[in-house]
């Protein structure tokens, strides 16, 4: 088995590890919620606040927040009975994505150096 093939298989496994992240960020509604959380001037927003900024229903916002939370992109803290959602800054997810992108670049460079066609349209 050649080295390029081994690297592609390894890369496929790395993609599987981040599949929830790609699925979560692949949806425009979740991207909108993610941006609202990023643009908020405080750390943490409640569902009603997100609802106002996105014009989505409360159940829809809650559903999408759950998916973002399960992917490790969003987290929550509670004050009394109120839940506040924020962008999770745990480095595992973000460092992992950065390493995945670096690995993609290395595999592409390796493939190009070994004469694999890149199929660019001219």
PDB file of N, CA and C in Angstrom:
ATOM      1  N   UNK A   1       0.871  -1.182   0.000  1.00  0.00           N
ATOM      2  CA  UNK A   1       0.000   0.000   0.000  1.00  0.00           C
ATOM      3  C   UNK A   1       0.908   1.232   0.000  1.00  0.00           C
ATOM      4  N   UNK A   2       0.676   2.137  -0.951  1.00  0.00           N
ATOM      5  CA  UNK A   2       1.557   3.299  -1.019  1.00  0.00           C
ATOM      6  C   UNK A   2       1.239   4.319   0.084  1.00  0.00           C
ATOM      7  N   UNK A   3       2.203   5.154   0.345  1.00  0.00           N
ATOM      8  CA  UNK A   3       2.105   6.119   1.449  1.00  0.00           C
ATOM      9  C   UNK A   3       0.958   7.105   1.259  1.00  0.00           C
ATOM     10  N   UNK A   4       0.729   7.524   0.031  1.00  0.00           N
ATOM     11  CA  UNK A   4      -0.347   8.475  -0.241  1.00  0.00           C
ATOM     12  C   UNK A   4      -1.708   7.864   0.113  1.00  0.00           C
ATOM     13  N   UNK A   5      -1.894   6.610  -0.231  1.00  0.00           N
ATOM     14  CA  UNK A   5      -3.147   5.932   0.095  1.00  0.00           C
ATOM     15  C   UNK A   5      -3.315   5.820   1.614  1.00  0.00           C
ATOM     16  N   UNK A   6      -2.245   5.483   2.321  1.00  0.00           N
ATOM     17  CA  UNK A   6      -2.299   5.400   3.784  1.00  0.00           C
ATOM     18  C   UNK A   6      -2.708   6.745   4.384  1.00  0.00           C
ATOM     19  N   UNK A   7      -2.142   7.809   3.856  1.00  0.00           N
ATOM     20  CA  UNK A   7      -2.450   9.150   4.370  1.00  0.00           C
ATOM     21  C   UNK A   7      -3.909   9.527   4.086  1.00  0.00           C
ATOM     22  N   UNK A   8      -4.412   9.138   2.911  1.00  0.00           N
ATOM     23  CA  UNK A   8      -5.813   9.427   2.591  1.00  0.00           C
ATOM     24  C   UNK A   8      -6.758   8.663   3.514  1.00  0.00           C
ATOM     25  N   UNK A   9      -6.417   7.406   3.814  1.00  0.00           N
ATOM     26  CA  UNK A   9      -7.249   6.621   4.741  1.00  0.00           C
ATOM     27  C   UNK A   9      -7.237   7.244   6.135  1.00  0.00           C
ATOM     28  N   UNK A  10      -6.071   7.667   6.589  1.00  0.00           N
ATOM     29  CA  UNK A  10      -5.952   8.330   7.884  1.00  0.00           C
ATOM     30  C   UNK A  10      -6.765   9.622   7.891  1.00  0.00           C
ATOM     31  N   UNK A  11      -6.699  10.363   6.811  1.00  0.00           N
ATOM     32  CA  UNK A  11      -7.443  11.609   6.684  1.00  0.00           C
ATOM     33  C   UNK A  11      -8.952  11.348   6.727  1.00  0.00           C
ATOM     34  N   UNK A  12      -9.397  10.285   6.084  1.00  0.00           N
ATOM     35  CA  UNK A  12     -10.825   9.925   6.112  1.00  0.00           C
ATOM     36  C   UNK A  12     -11.276   9.646   7.539  1.00  0.00           C
ATOM     37  N   UNK A  13     -10.450   8.976   8.317  1.00  0.00           N
ATOM     38  CA  UNK A  13     -10.790   8.716   9.723  1.00  0.00           C
ATOM     39  C   UNK A  13     -10.843  10.007  10.535  1.00  0.00           C
ATOM     40  N   UNK A  14      -9.941  10.925  10.247  1.00  0.00           N
ATOM     41  CA  UNK A  14      -9.952  12.209  10.943  1.00  0.00           C
ATOM     42  C   UNK A  14     -11.235  12.979  10.609  1.00  0.00           C
ATOM     43  N   UNK A  15     -11.655  12.935   9.362  1.00  0.00           N
ATOM     44  CA  UNK A  15     -12.906  13.584   8.962  1.00  0.00           C
ATOM     45  C   UNK A  15     -14.080  12.992   9.736  1.00  0.00           C
ATOM     46  N   UNK A  16     -14.084  11.677   9.898  1.00  0.00           N
ATOM     47  CA  UNK A  16     -15.167  11.023  10.645  1.00  0.00           C
ATOM     48  C   UNK A  16     -15.230  11.543  12.073  1.00  0.00           C
ATOM     49  N   UNK A  17     -14.072  11.804  12.669  1.00  0.00           N
ATOM     50  CA  UNK A  17     -14.036  12.325  14.037  1.00  0.00           C
ATOM     51  C   UNK A  17     -14.688  13.696  14.157  1.00  0.00           C
ATOM     52  N   UNK A  18     -14.688  14.461  13.071  1.00  0.00           N
ATOM     53  CA  UNK A  18     -15.249  15.815  13.096  1.00  0.00           C
ATOM     54  C   UNK A  18     -16.547  15.915  12.309  1.00  0.00           C
ATOM     55  N   UNK A  19     -17.153  14.779  12.019  1.00  0.00           N
ATOM     56  CA  UNK A  19     -18.367  14.776  11.219  1.00  0.00           C
ATOM     57  C   UNK A  19     -19.489  15.588  11.873  1.00  0.00           C
ATOM     58  N   UNK A  20     -19.646  15.487  13.190  1.00  0.00           N
ATOM     59  CA  UNK A  20     -20.691  16.257  13.874  1.00  0.00           C
ATOM     60  C   UNK A  20     -20.467  17.754  13.726  1.00  0.00           C
ATOM     61  N   UNK A  21     -19.217  18.174  13.741  1.00  0.00           N
ATOM     62  CA  UNK A  21     -18.892  19.600  13.586  1.00  0.00           C
ATOM     63  C   UNK A  21     -19.270  20.068  12.185  1.00  0.00           C
ATOM     64  N   UNK A  22     -18.908  19.272  11.171  1.00  0.00           N
ATOM     65  CA  UNK A  22     -19.229  19.651   9.794  1.00  0.00           C
ATOM     66  C   UNK A  22     -20.735  19.678   9.568  1.00  0.00           C
ATOM     67  N   UNK A  23     -21.432  18.701  10.116  1.00  0.00           N
ATOM     68  CA  UNK A  23     -22.890  18.669   9.979  1.00  0.00           C
ATOM     69  C   UNK A  23     -23.504  19.882  10.672  1.00  0.00           C
ATOM     70  N   UNK A  24     -23.015  20.171  11.885  1.00  0.00           N
ATOM     71  CA  UNK A  24     -23.564  21.300  12.645  1.00  0.00           C
ATOM     72  C   UNK A  24     -23.351  22.617  11.911  1.00  0.00           C
ATOM     73  N   UNK A  25     -22.175  22.825  11.375  1.00  0.00           N
ATOM     74  CA  UNK A  25     -21.878  24.090  10.702  1.00  0.00           C
ATOM     75  C   UNK A  25     -22.325  24.101   9.241  1.00  0.00           C
ATOM     76  N   UNK A  26     -22.756  22.956   8.734  1.00  0.00           N
ATOM     77  CA  UNK A  26     -23.202  22.876   7.354  1.00  0.00           C
ATOM     78  C   UNK A  26     -24.608  23.398   7.125  1.00  0.00           C
ATOM     79  N   UNK A  27     -25.309  23.680   8.198  1.00  0.00           N
ATOM     80  CA  UNK A  27     -26.687  24.156   8.108  1.00  0.00           C
ATOM     81  C   UNK A  27     -26.704  25.676   8.252  1.00  0.00           C
ATOM     82  N   UNK A  28     -27.363  26.363   7.320  1.00  0.00           N
ATOM     83  CA  UNK A  28     -27.375  27.840   7.337  1.00  0.00           C
ATOM     84  C   UNK A  28     -28.022  28.404   8.594  1.00  0.00           C
ATOM     85  N   UNK A  29     -29.042  27.747   9.103  1.00  0.00           N
ATOM     86  CA  UNK A  29     -29.710  28.234  10.321  1.00  0.00           C
ATOM     87  C   UNK A  29     -28.757  28.159  11.504  1.00  0.00           C
ATOM     88  N   UNK A  30     -28.024  27.054  11.606  1.00  0.00           N
ATOM     89  CA  UNK A  30     -27.064  26.934  12.714  1.00  0.00           C
ATOM     90  C   UNK A  30     -25.913  27.913  12.545  1.00  0.00           C
ATOM     91  N   UNK A  31     -25.517  28.171  11.306  1.00  0.00           N
ATOM     92  CA  UNK A  31     -24.494  29.191  11.067  1.00  0.00           C
ATOM     93  C   UNK A  31     -24.994  30.547  11.546  1.00  0.00           C
ATOM     94  N   UNK A  32     -26.260  30.835  11.279  1.00  0.00           N
ATOM     95  CA  UNK A  32     -26.855  32.104  11.712  1.00  0.00           C
ATOM     96  C   UNK A  32     -26.839  32.202  13.238  1.00  0.00           C
ATOM     97  N   UNK A  33     -27.228  31.147  13.922  1.00  0.00           N
ATOM     98  CA  UNK A  33     -27.218  31.142  15.391  1.00  0.00           C
ATOM     99  C   UNK A  33     -25.789  31.301  15.899  1.00  0.00           C
ATOM    100  N   UNK A  34     -24.850  30.597  15.280  1.00  0.00           N
ATOM    101  CA  UNK A  34     -23.444  30.674  15.671  1.00  0.00           C
ATOM    102  C   UNK A  34     -22.942  32.110  15.544  1.00  0.00           C
ATOM    103  N   UNK A  35     -23.281  32.780  14.438  1.00  0.00           N
ATOM    104  CA  UNK A  35     -22.856  34.171  14.237  1.00  0.00           C
ATOM    105  C   UNK A  35     -23.507  35.112  15.240  1.00  0.00           C
ATOM    106  N   UNK A  36     -24.771  34.872  15.574  1.00  0.00           N
ATOM    107  CA  UNK A  36     -25.447  35.701  16.584  1.00  0.00           C
ATOM    108  C   UNK A  36     -24.710  35.574  17.919  1.00  0.00           C
ATOM    109  N   UNK A  37     -24.308  34.364  18.273  1.00  0.00           N
ATOM    110  CA  UNK A  37     -23.569  34.169  19.526  1.00  0.00           C
ATOM    111  C   UNK A  37     -22.206  34.852  19.472  1.00  0.00           C
ATOM    112  N   UNK A  38     -21.557  34.795  18.319  1.00  0.00           N
ATOM    113  CA  UNK A  38     -20.257  35.455  18.166  1.00  0.00           C
ATOM    114  C   UNK A  38     -20.372  36.971  18.261  1.00  0.00           C
ATOM    115  N   UNK A  39     -21.430  37.523  17.700  1.00  0.00           N
ATOM    116  CA  UNK A  39     -21.586  38.978  17.619  1.00  0.00           C
ATOM    117  C   UNK A  39     -22.193  39.589  18.875  1.00  0.00           C
ATOM    118  N   UNK A  40     -22.611  38.761  19.816  1.00  0.00           N
ATOM    119  CA  UNK A  40     -23.215  39.266  21.040  1.00  0.00           C
ATOM    120  C   UNK A  40     -22.152  39.938  21.909  1.00  0.00           C
ATOM    121  N   UNK A  41     -22.493  41.040  22.543  1.00  0.00           N
ATOM    122  CA  UNK A  41     -21.514  41.781  23.337  1.00  0.00           C
ATOM    123  C   UNK A  41     -21.280  41.190  24.722  1.00  0.00           C
ATOM    124  N   UNK A  42     -22.058  40.182  25.114  1.00  0.00           N
ATOM    125  CA  UNK A  42     -21.816  39.485  26.379  1.00  0.00           C
ATOM    126  C   UNK A  42     -21.588  38.011  26.082  1.00  0.00           C
ATOM    127  N   UNK A  43     -21.012  37.305  27.024  1.00  0.00           N
ATOM    128  CA  UNK A  43     -20.799  35.874  26.867  1.00  0.00           C
ATOM    129  C   UNK A  43     -22.034  35.159  27.384  1.00  0.00           C
ATOM    130  N   UNK A  44     -22.818  34.681  26.471  1.00  0.00           N
ATOM    131  CA  UNK A  44     -24.012  33.946  26.833  1.00  0.00           C
ATOM    132  C   UNK A  44     -25.281  34.665  26.427  1.00  0.00           C
ATOM    133  N   UNK A  45     -26.156  33.910  25.768  1.00  0.00           N
ATOM    134  CA  UNK A  45     -27.456  34.438  25.366  1.00  0.00           C
ATOM    135  C   UNK A  45     -28.509  33.388  25.690  1.00  0.00           C
ATOM    136  N   UNK A  46     -29.679  33.877  26.053  1.00  0.00           N
ATOM    137  CA  UNK A  46     -30.804  32.986  26.309  1.00  0.00           C
ATOM    138  C   UNK A  46     -31.556  32.733  25.004  1.00  0.00           C
ATOM    139  N   UNK A  47     -32.307  31.641  24.984  1.00  0.00           N
ATOM    140  CA  UNK A  47     -33.059  31.282  23.777  1.00  0.00           C
ATOM    141  C   UNK A  47     -33.972  32.412  23.306  1.00  0.00           C
ATOM    142  N   UNK A  48     -34.712  33.096  24.194  1.00  0.00           N
ATOM    143  CA  UNK A  48     -35.564  34.196  23.705  1.00  0.00           C
ATOM    144  C   UNK A  48     -34.776  35.305  23.001  1.00  0.00           C
ATOM    145  N   UNK A  49     -33.565  35.591  23.478  1.00  0.00           N
ATOM    146  CA  UNK A  49     -32.730  36.616  22.840  1.00  0.00           C
ATOM    147  C   UNK A  49     -32.277  36.162  21.451  1.00  0.00           C
ATOM    148  N   UNK A  50     -31.900  34.904  21.346  1.00  0.00           N
ATOM    149  CA  UNK A  50     -31.479  34.355  20.053  1.00  0.00           C
ATOM    150  C   UNK A  50     -32.661  34.338  19.092  1.00  0.00           C
ATOM    151  N   UNK A  51     -33.838  34.003  19.636  1.00  0.00           N
ATOM    152  CA  UNK A  51     -35.068  33.974  18.833  1.00  0.00           C
ATOM    153  C   UNK A  51     -35.336  35.337  18.203  1.00  0.00           C
ATOM    154  N   UNK A  52     -35.185  36.397  18.983  1.00  0.00           N
ATOM    155  CA  UNK A  52     -35.418  37.754  18.465  1.00  0.00           C
ATOM    156  C   UNK A  52     -34.445  38.106  17.341  1.00  0.00           C
ATOM    157  N   UNK A  53     -33.189  37.709  17.499  1.00  0.00           N
ATOM    158  CA  UNK A  53     -32.168  38.077  16.510  1.00  0.00           C
ATOM    159  C   UNK A  53     -32.239  37.229  15.247  1.00  0.00           C
ATOM    160  N   UNK A  54     -32.795  36.027  15.355  1.00  0.00           N
ATOM    161  CA  UNK A  54     -32.816  35.124  14.198  1.00  0.00           C
ATOM    162  C   UNK A  54     -34.193  35.003  13.563  1.00  0.00           C
ATOM    163  N   UNK A  55     -35.219  35.454  14.256  1.00  0.00           N
ATOM    164  CA  UNK A  55     -36.607  35.331  13.790  1.00  0.00           C
ATOM    165  C   UNK A  55     -37.025  33.871  13.630  1.00  0.00           C
ATOM    166  N   UNK A  56     -36.431  33.008  14.444  1.00  0.00           N
ATOM    167  CA  UNK A  56     -36.810  31.600  14.487  1.00  0.00           C
ATOM    168  C   UNK A  56     -37.700  31.375  15.702  1.00  0.00           C
ATOM    169  N   UNK A  57     -38.407  30.273  15.722  1.00  0.00           N
ATOM    170  CA  UNK A  57     -39.219  29.949  16.895  1.00  0.00           C
ATOM    171  C   UNK A  57     -38.313  29.456  18.017  1.00  0.00           C
ATOM    172  N   UNK A  58     -38.799  29.520  19.250  1.00  0.00           N
ATOM    173  CA  UNK A  58     -38.018  29.023  20.383  1.00  0.00           C
ATOM    174  C   UNK A  58     -37.672  27.545  20.225  1.00  0.00           C
ATOM    175  N   UNK A  59     -38.648  26.699  19.840  1.00  0.00           N
ATOM    176  CA  UNK A  59     -38.293  25.282  19.664  1.00  0.00           C
ATOM    177  C   UNK A  59     -37.213  25.070  18.589  1.00  0.00           C
ATOM    178  N   UNK A  60     -37.276  25.856  17.513  1.00  0.00           N
ATOM    179  CA  UNK A  60     -36.267  25.726  16.458  1.00  0.00           C
ATOM    180  C   UNK A  60     -34.890  26.124  16.975  1.00  0.00           C
ATOM    181  N   UNK A  61     -34.813  27.225  17.696  1.00  0.00           N
ATOM    182  CA  UNK A  61     -33.530  27.671  18.263  1.00  0.00           C
ATOM    183  C   UNK A  61     -32.993  26.610  19.221  1.00  0.00           C
ATOM    184  N   UNK A  62     -33.850  26.090  20.088  1.00  0.00           N
ATOM    185  CA  UNK A  62     -33.424  25.062  21.044  1.00  0.00           C
ATOM    186  C   UNK A  62     -32.905  23.823  20.323  1.00  0.00           C
ATOM    187  N   UNK A  63     -33.596  23.414  19.271  1.00  0.00           N
ATOM    188  CA  UNK A  63     -33.183  22.244  18.492  1.00  0.00           C
ATOM    189  C   UNK A  63     -31.786  22.459  17.895  1.00  0.00           C
ATOM    190  N   UNK A  64     -31.576  23.604  17.281  1.00  0.00           N
ATOM    191  CA  UNK A  64     -30.290  23.880  16.640  1.00  0.00           C
ATOM    192  C   UNK A  64     -29.173  24.068  17.667  1.00  0.00           C
ATOM    193  N   UNK A  65     -29.501  24.664  18.801  1.00  0.00           N
ATOM    194  CA  UNK A  65     -28.498  24.802  19.872  1.00  0.00           C
ATOM    195  C   UNK A  65     -28.067  23.434  20.386  1.00  0.00           C
ATOM    196  N   UNK A  66     -29.003  22.509  20.468  1.00  0.00           N
ATOM    197  CA  UNK A  66     -28.679  21.149  20.919  1.00  0.00           C
ATOM    198  C   UNK A  66     -27.666  20.504  19.970  1.00  0.00           C
ATOM    199  N   UNK A  67     -27.871  20.659  18.675  1.00  0.00           N
ATOM    200  CA  UNK A  67     -26.952  20.086  17.684  1.00  0.00           C
ATOM    201  C   UNK A  67     -25.579  20.757  17.784  1.00  0.00           C
ATOM    202  N   UNK A  68     -25.558  22.067  17.912  1.00  0.00           N
ATOM    203  CA  UNK A  68     -24.293  22.792  18.063  1.00  0.00           C
ATOM    204  C   UNK A  68     -23.577  22.383  19.351  1.00  0.00           C
ATOM    205  N   UNK A  69     -24.343  22.159  20.399  1.00  0.00           N
ATOM    206  CA  UNK A  69     -23.766  21.745  21.685  1.00  0.00           C
ATOM    207  C   UNK A  69     -23.189  20.336  21.590  1.00  0.00           C
ATOM    208  N   UNK A  70     -23.923  19.423  20.958  1.00  0.00           N
ATOM    209  CA  UNK A  70     -23.440  18.049  20.800  1.00  0.00           C
ATOM    210  C   UNK A  70     -22.180  17.981  19.940  1.00  0.00           C
ATOM    211  N   UNK A  71     -22.020  18.923  19.034  1.00  0.00           N
ATOM    212  CA  UNK A  71     -20.832  18.974  18.184  1.00  0.00           C
ATOM    213  C   UNK A  71     -19.644  19.604  18.906  1.00  0.00           C
ATOM    214  N   UNK A  72     -19.875  20.172  20.087  1.00  0.00           N
ATOM    215  CA  UNK A  72     -18.795  20.789  20.842  1.00  0.00           C
ATOM    216  C   UNK A  72     -18.518  22.225  20.453  1.00  0.00           C
ATOM    217  N   UNK A  73     -19.432  22.838  19.729  1.00  0.00           N
ATOM    218  CA  UNK A  73     -19.235  24.211  19.269  1.00  0.00           C
ATOM    219  C   UNK A  73     -19.847  25.242  20.205  1.00  0.00           C
ATOM    220  N   UNK A  74     -20.883  24.843  20.911  1.00  0.00           N
ATOM    221  CA  UNK A  74     -21.612  25.733  21.809  1.00  0.00           C
ATOM    222  C   UNK A  74     -21.704  25.047  23.170  1.00  0.00           C
ATOM    223  N   UNK A  75     -21.690  25.844  24.203  1.00  0.00           N
ATOM    224  CA  UNK A  75     -21.879  25.318  25.550  1.00  0.00           C
ATOM    225  C   UNK A  75     -22.900  26.184  26.262  1.00  0.00           C
ATOM    226  N   UNK A  76     -23.203  25.831  27.495  1.00  0.00           N
ATOM    227  CA  UNK A  76     -24.251  26.524  28.231  1.00  0.00           C
ATOM    228  C   UNK A  76     -23.863  26.637  29.698  1.00  0.00           C
ATOM    229  N   UNK A  77     -24.264  27.734  30.311  1.00  0.00           N
ATOM    230  CA  UNK A  77     -24.181  27.835  31.761  1.00  0.00           C
ATOM    231  C   UNK A  77     -25.547  28.261  32.267  1.00  0.00           C
ATOM    232  N   UNK A  78     -25.804  27.946  33.513  1.00  0.00           N
ATOM    233  CA  UNK A  78     -27.122  28.193  34.087  1.00  0.00           C
ATOM    234  C   UNK A  78     -26.998  29.142  35.273  1.00  0.00           C
ATOM    235  N   UNK A  79     -27.899  30.112  35.304  1.00  0.00           N
ATOM    236  CA  UNK A  79     -28.053  30.982  36.474  1.00  0.00           C
ATOM    237  C   UNK A  79     -29.499  30.826  36.920  1.00  0.00           C
ATOM    238  N   UNK A  80     -29.664  30.251  38.088  1.00  0.00           N
ATOM    239  CA  UNK A  80     -30.988  29.902  38.619  1.00  0.00           C
ATOM    240  C   UNK A  80     -31.709  29.019  37.601  1.00  0.00           C
ATOM    241  N   UNK A  81     -32.770  29.499  37.000  1.00  0.00           N
ATOM    242  CA  UNK A  81     -33.504  28.679  36.026  1.00  0.00           C
ATOM    243  C   UNK A  81     -33.239  29.097  34.587  1.00  0.00           C
ATOM    244  N   UNK A  82     -32.307  30.020  34.387  1.00  0.00           N
ATOM    245  CA  UNK A  82     -32.053  30.544  33.045  1.00  0.00           C
ATOM    246  C   UNK A  82     -30.778  29.928  32.447  1.00  0.00           C
ATOM    247  N   UNK A  83     -30.886  29.468  31.199  1.00  0.00           N
ATOM    248  CA  UNK A  83     -29.757  28.896  30.478  1.00  0.00           C
ATOM    249  C   UNK A  83     -29.177  29.930  29.526  1.00  0.00           C
ATOM    250  N   UNK A  84     -27.881  30.059  29.543  1.00  0.00           N
ATOM    251  CA  UNK A  84     -27.163  30.984  28.679  1.00  0.00           C
ATOM    252  C   UNK A  84     -26.224  30.186  27.773  1.00  0.00           C
ATOM    253  N   UNK A  85     -26.344  30.391  26.475  1.00  0.00           N
ATOM    254  CA  UNK A  85     -25.538  29.668  25.488  1.00  0.00           C
ATOM    255  C   UNK A  85     -24.424  30.562  24.979  1.00  0.00           C
ATOM    256  N   UNK A  86     -23.276  29.957  24.743  1.00  0.00           N
ATOM    257  CA  UNK A  86     -22.109  30.706  24.276  1.00  0.00           C
ATOM    258  C   UNK A  86     -21.239  29.796  23.410  1.00  0.00           C
ATOM    259  N   UNK A  87     -20.348  30.409  22.627  1.00  0.00           N
ATOM    260  CA  UNK A  87     -19.407  29.662  21.800  1.00  0.00           C
ATOM    261  C   UNK A  87     -18.401  28.980  22.725  1.00  0.00           C
ATOM    262  N   UNK A  88     -18.285  27.680  22.573  1.00  0.00           N
ATOM    263  CA  UNK A  88     -17.366  26.915  23.420  1.00  0.00           C
ATOM    264  C   UNK A  88     -15.938  27.167  22.962  1.00  0.00           C
ATOM    265  N   UNK A  89     -15.093  27.546  23.886  1.00  0.00           N
ATOM    266  CA  UNK A  89     -13.704  27.848  23.542  1.00  0.00           C
ATOM    267  C   UNK A  89     -12.755  26.725  23.936  1.00  0.00           C
ATOM    268  N   UNK A  90     -13.297  25.547  24.216  1.00  0.00           N
ATOM    269  CA  UNK A  90     -12.431  24.411  24.513  1.00  0.00           C
ATOM    270  C   UNK A  90     -11.587  24.146  23.267  1.00  0.00           C
ATOM    271  N   UNK A  91     -10.302  24.104  23.467  1.00  0.00           N
ATOM    272  CA  UNK A  91      -9.380  24.064  22.341  1.00  0.00           C
ATOM    273  C   UNK A  91      -9.379  22.738  21.591  1.00  0.00           C
ATOM    274  N   UNK A  92      -9.887  21.669  22.185  1.00  0.00           N
ATOM    275  CA  UNK A  92      -9.862  20.369  21.519  1.00  0.00           C
ATOM    276  C   UNK A  92     -10.509  20.436  20.142  1.00  0.00           C
ATOM    277  N   UNK A  93     -11.679  21.018  20.067  1.00  0.00           N
ATOM    278  CA  UNK A  93     -12.404  21.101  18.805  1.00  0.00           C
ATOM    279  C   UNK A  93     -11.657  21.985  17.809  1.00  0.00           C
ATOM    280  N   UNK A  94     -11.291  23.172  18.221  1.00  0.00           N
ATOM    281  CA  UNK A  94     -10.673  24.130  17.308  1.00  0.00           C
ATOM    282  C   UNK A  94      -9.271  23.699  16.907  1.00  0.00           C
ATOM    283  N   UNK A  95      -8.479  23.186  17.849  1.00  0.00           N
ATOM    284  CA  UNK A  95      -7.146  22.677  17.509  1.00  0.00           C
ATOM    285  C   UNK A  95      -7.256  21.457  16.610  1.00  0.00           C
ATOM    286  N   UNK A  96      -8.236  20.602  16.886  1.00  0.00           N
ATOM    287  CA  UNK A  96      -8.442  19.421  16.057  1.00  0.00           C
ATOM    288  C   UNK A  96      -8.786  19.787  14.627  1.00  0.00           C
ATOM    289  N   UNK A  97      -9.663  20.787  14.455  1.00  0.00           N
ATOM    290  CA  UNK A  97     -10.003  21.239  13.104  1.00  0.00           C
ATOM    291  C   UNK A  97      -8.789  21.842  12.400  1.00  0.00           C
ATOM    292  N   UNK A  98      -7.997  22.583  13.138  1.00  0.00           N
ATOM    293  CA  UNK A  98      -6.792  23.176  12.569  1.00  0.00           C
ATOM    294  C   UNK A  98      -5.822  22.083  12.117  1.00  0.00           C
ATOM    295  N   UNK A  99      -5.655  21.059  12.945  1.00  0.00           N
ATOM    296  CA  UNK A  99      -4.765  19.951  12.583  1.00  0.00           C
ATOM    297  C   UNK A  99      -5.319  19.191  11.374  1.00  0.00           C
ATOM    298  N   UNK A 100      -6.639  19.040  11.305  1.00  0.00           N
ATOM    299  CA  UNK A 100      -7.261  18.367  10.160  1.00  0.00           C
ATOM    300  C   UNK A 100      -6.972  19.134   8.873  1.00  0.00           C
ATOM    301  N   UNK A 101      -7.130  20.448   8.906  1.00  0.00           N
ATOM    302  CA  UNK A 101      -6.858  21.264   7.718  1.00  0.00           C
ATOM    303  C   UNK A 101      -5.391  21.166   7.320  1.00  0.00           C
ATOM    304  N   UNK A 102      -4.495  21.193   8.311  1.00  0.00           N
ATOM    305  CA  UNK A 102      -3.066  21.025   8.017  1.00  0.00           C
ATOM    306  C   UNK A 102      -2.806  19.678   7.350  1.00  0.00           C
ATOM    307  N   UNK A 103      -3.473  18.634   7.855  1.00  0.00           N
ATOM    308  CA  UNK A 103      -3.284  17.303   7.287  1.00  0.00           C
ATOM    309  C   UNK A 103      -3.813  17.242   5.861  1.00  0.00           C
ATOM    310  N   UNK A 104      -4.953  17.874   5.602  1.00  0.00           N
ATOM    311  CA  UNK A 104      -5.495  17.928   4.238  1.00  0.00           C
ATOM    312  C   UNK A 104      -4.458  18.572   3.309  1.00  0.00           C
ATOM    313  N   UNK A 105      -3.881  19.682   3.729  1.00  0.00           N
ATOM    314  CA  UNK A 105      -2.878  20.363   2.904  1.00  0.00           C
ATOM    315  C   UNK A 105      -1.668  19.474   2.643  1.00  0.00           C
ATOM    316  N   UNK A 106      -1.209  18.741   3.648  1.00  0.00           N
ATOM    317  CA  UNK A 106      -0.052  17.848   3.472  1.00  0.00           C
ATOM    318  C   UNK A 106      -0.367  16.726   2.495  1.00  0.00           C
ATOM    319  N   UNK A 107      -1.559  16.150   2.607  1.00  0.00           N
ATOM    320  CA  UNK A 107      -1.947  15.060   1.707  1.00  0.00           C
ATOM    321  C   UNK A 107      -2.059  15.579   0.280  1.00  0.00           C
ATOM    322  N   UNK A 108      -2.629  16.763   0.110  1.00  0.00           N
ATOM    323  CA  UNK A 108      -2.747  17.354  -1.230  1.00  0.00           C
ATOM    324  C   UNK A 108      -1.360  17.624  -1.821  1.00  0.00           C
ATOM    325  N   UNK A 109      -0.484  18.211  -1.024  1.00  0.00           N
ATOM    326  CA  UNK A 109       0.877  18.490  -1.510  1.00  0.00           C
ATOM    327  C   UNK A 109       1.597  17.198  -1.871  1.00  0.00           C
ATOM    328  N   UNK A 110       1.443  16.189  -1.035  1.00  0.00           N
ATOM    329  CA  UNK A 110       2.075  14.897  -1.291  1.00  0.00           C
ATOM    330  C   UNK A 110       1.541  14.279  -2.573  1.00  0.00           C
ATOM    331  N   UNK A 111       0.230  14.343  -2.772  1.00  0.00           N
ATOM    332  CA  UNK A 111      -0.380  13.788  -3.981  1.00  0.00           C
ATOM    333  C   UNK A 111       0.124  14.534  -5.216  1.00  0.00           C
ATOM    334  N   UNK A 112       0.204  15.844  -5.129  1.00  0.00           N
ATOM    335  CA  UNK A 112       0.703  16.641  -6.261  1.00  0.00           C
ATOM    336  C   UNK A 112       2.160  16.310  -6.566  1.00  0.00           C
ATOM    337  N   UNK A 113       2.959  16.095  -5.526  1.00  0.00           N
ATOM    338  CA  UNK A 113       4.374  15.771  -5.708  1.00  0.00           C
ATOM    339  C   UNK A 113       4.583  14.374  -6.280  1.00  0.00           C
ATOM    340  N   UNK A 114       3.586  13.501  -6.115  1.00  0.00           N
ATOM    341  CA  UNK A 114       3.704  12.137  -6.637  1.00  0.00           C
ATOM    342  C   UNK A 114       3.023  11.976  -7.991  1.00  0.00           C
ATOM    343  N   UNK A 115       2.666  13.076  -8.611  1.00  0.00           N
ATOM    344  CA  UNK A 115       2.163  13.038  -9.966  1.00  0.00           C
ATOM    345  C   UNK A 115       0.687  12.748 -10.103  1.00  0.00           C
ATOM    346  N   UNK A 116      -0.079  12.817  -9.009  1.00  0.00           N
ATOM    347  CA  UNK A 116      -1.504  12.617  -9.124  1.00  0.00           C
ATOM    348  C   UNK A 116      -2.113  13.808  -9.857  1.00  0.00           C
ATOM    349  N   UNK A 117      -3.046  13.563 -10.757  1.00  0.00           N
ATOM    350  CA  UNK A 117      -3.640  14.689 -11.498  1.00  0.00           C
ATOM    351  C   UNK A 117      -4.466  15.576 -10.572  1.00  0.00           C
ATOM    352  N   UNK A 118      -4.439  16.878 -10.816  1.00  0.00           N
ATOM    353  CA  UNK A 118      -5.248  17.776 -10.016  1.00  0.00           C
ATOM    354  C   UNK A 118      -6.464  18.282 -10.781  1.00  0.00           C
ATOM    355  N   UNK A 119      -6.628  17.876 -12.024  1.00  0.00           N
ATOM    356  CA  UNK A 119      -7.831  18.118 -12.815  1.00  0.00           C
ATOM    357  C   UNK A 119      -8.263  19.579 -12.830  1.00  0.00           C
ATOM    358  N   UNK A 120      -7.346  20.472 -12.961  1.00  0.00           N
ATOM    359  CA  UNK A 120      -7.703  21.898 -13.078  1.00  0.00           C
ATOM    360  C   UNK A 120      -8.217  22.142 -14.489  1.00  0.00           C
ATOM    361  N   UNK A 121      -9.289  22.915 -14.569  1.00  0.00           N
ATOM    362  CA  UNK A 121      -9.813  23.296 -15.876  1.00  0.00           C
ATOM    363  C   UNK A 121      -8.981  24.434 -16.426  1.00  0.00           C
ATOM    364  N   UNK A 122      -8.719  24.357 -17.696  1.00  0.00           N
ATOM    365  CA  UNK A 122      -7.903  25.425 -18.306  1.00  0.00           C
ATOM    366  C   UNK A 122      -8.734  26.251 -19.241  1.00  0.00           C
TER     367      UNK A 122
END
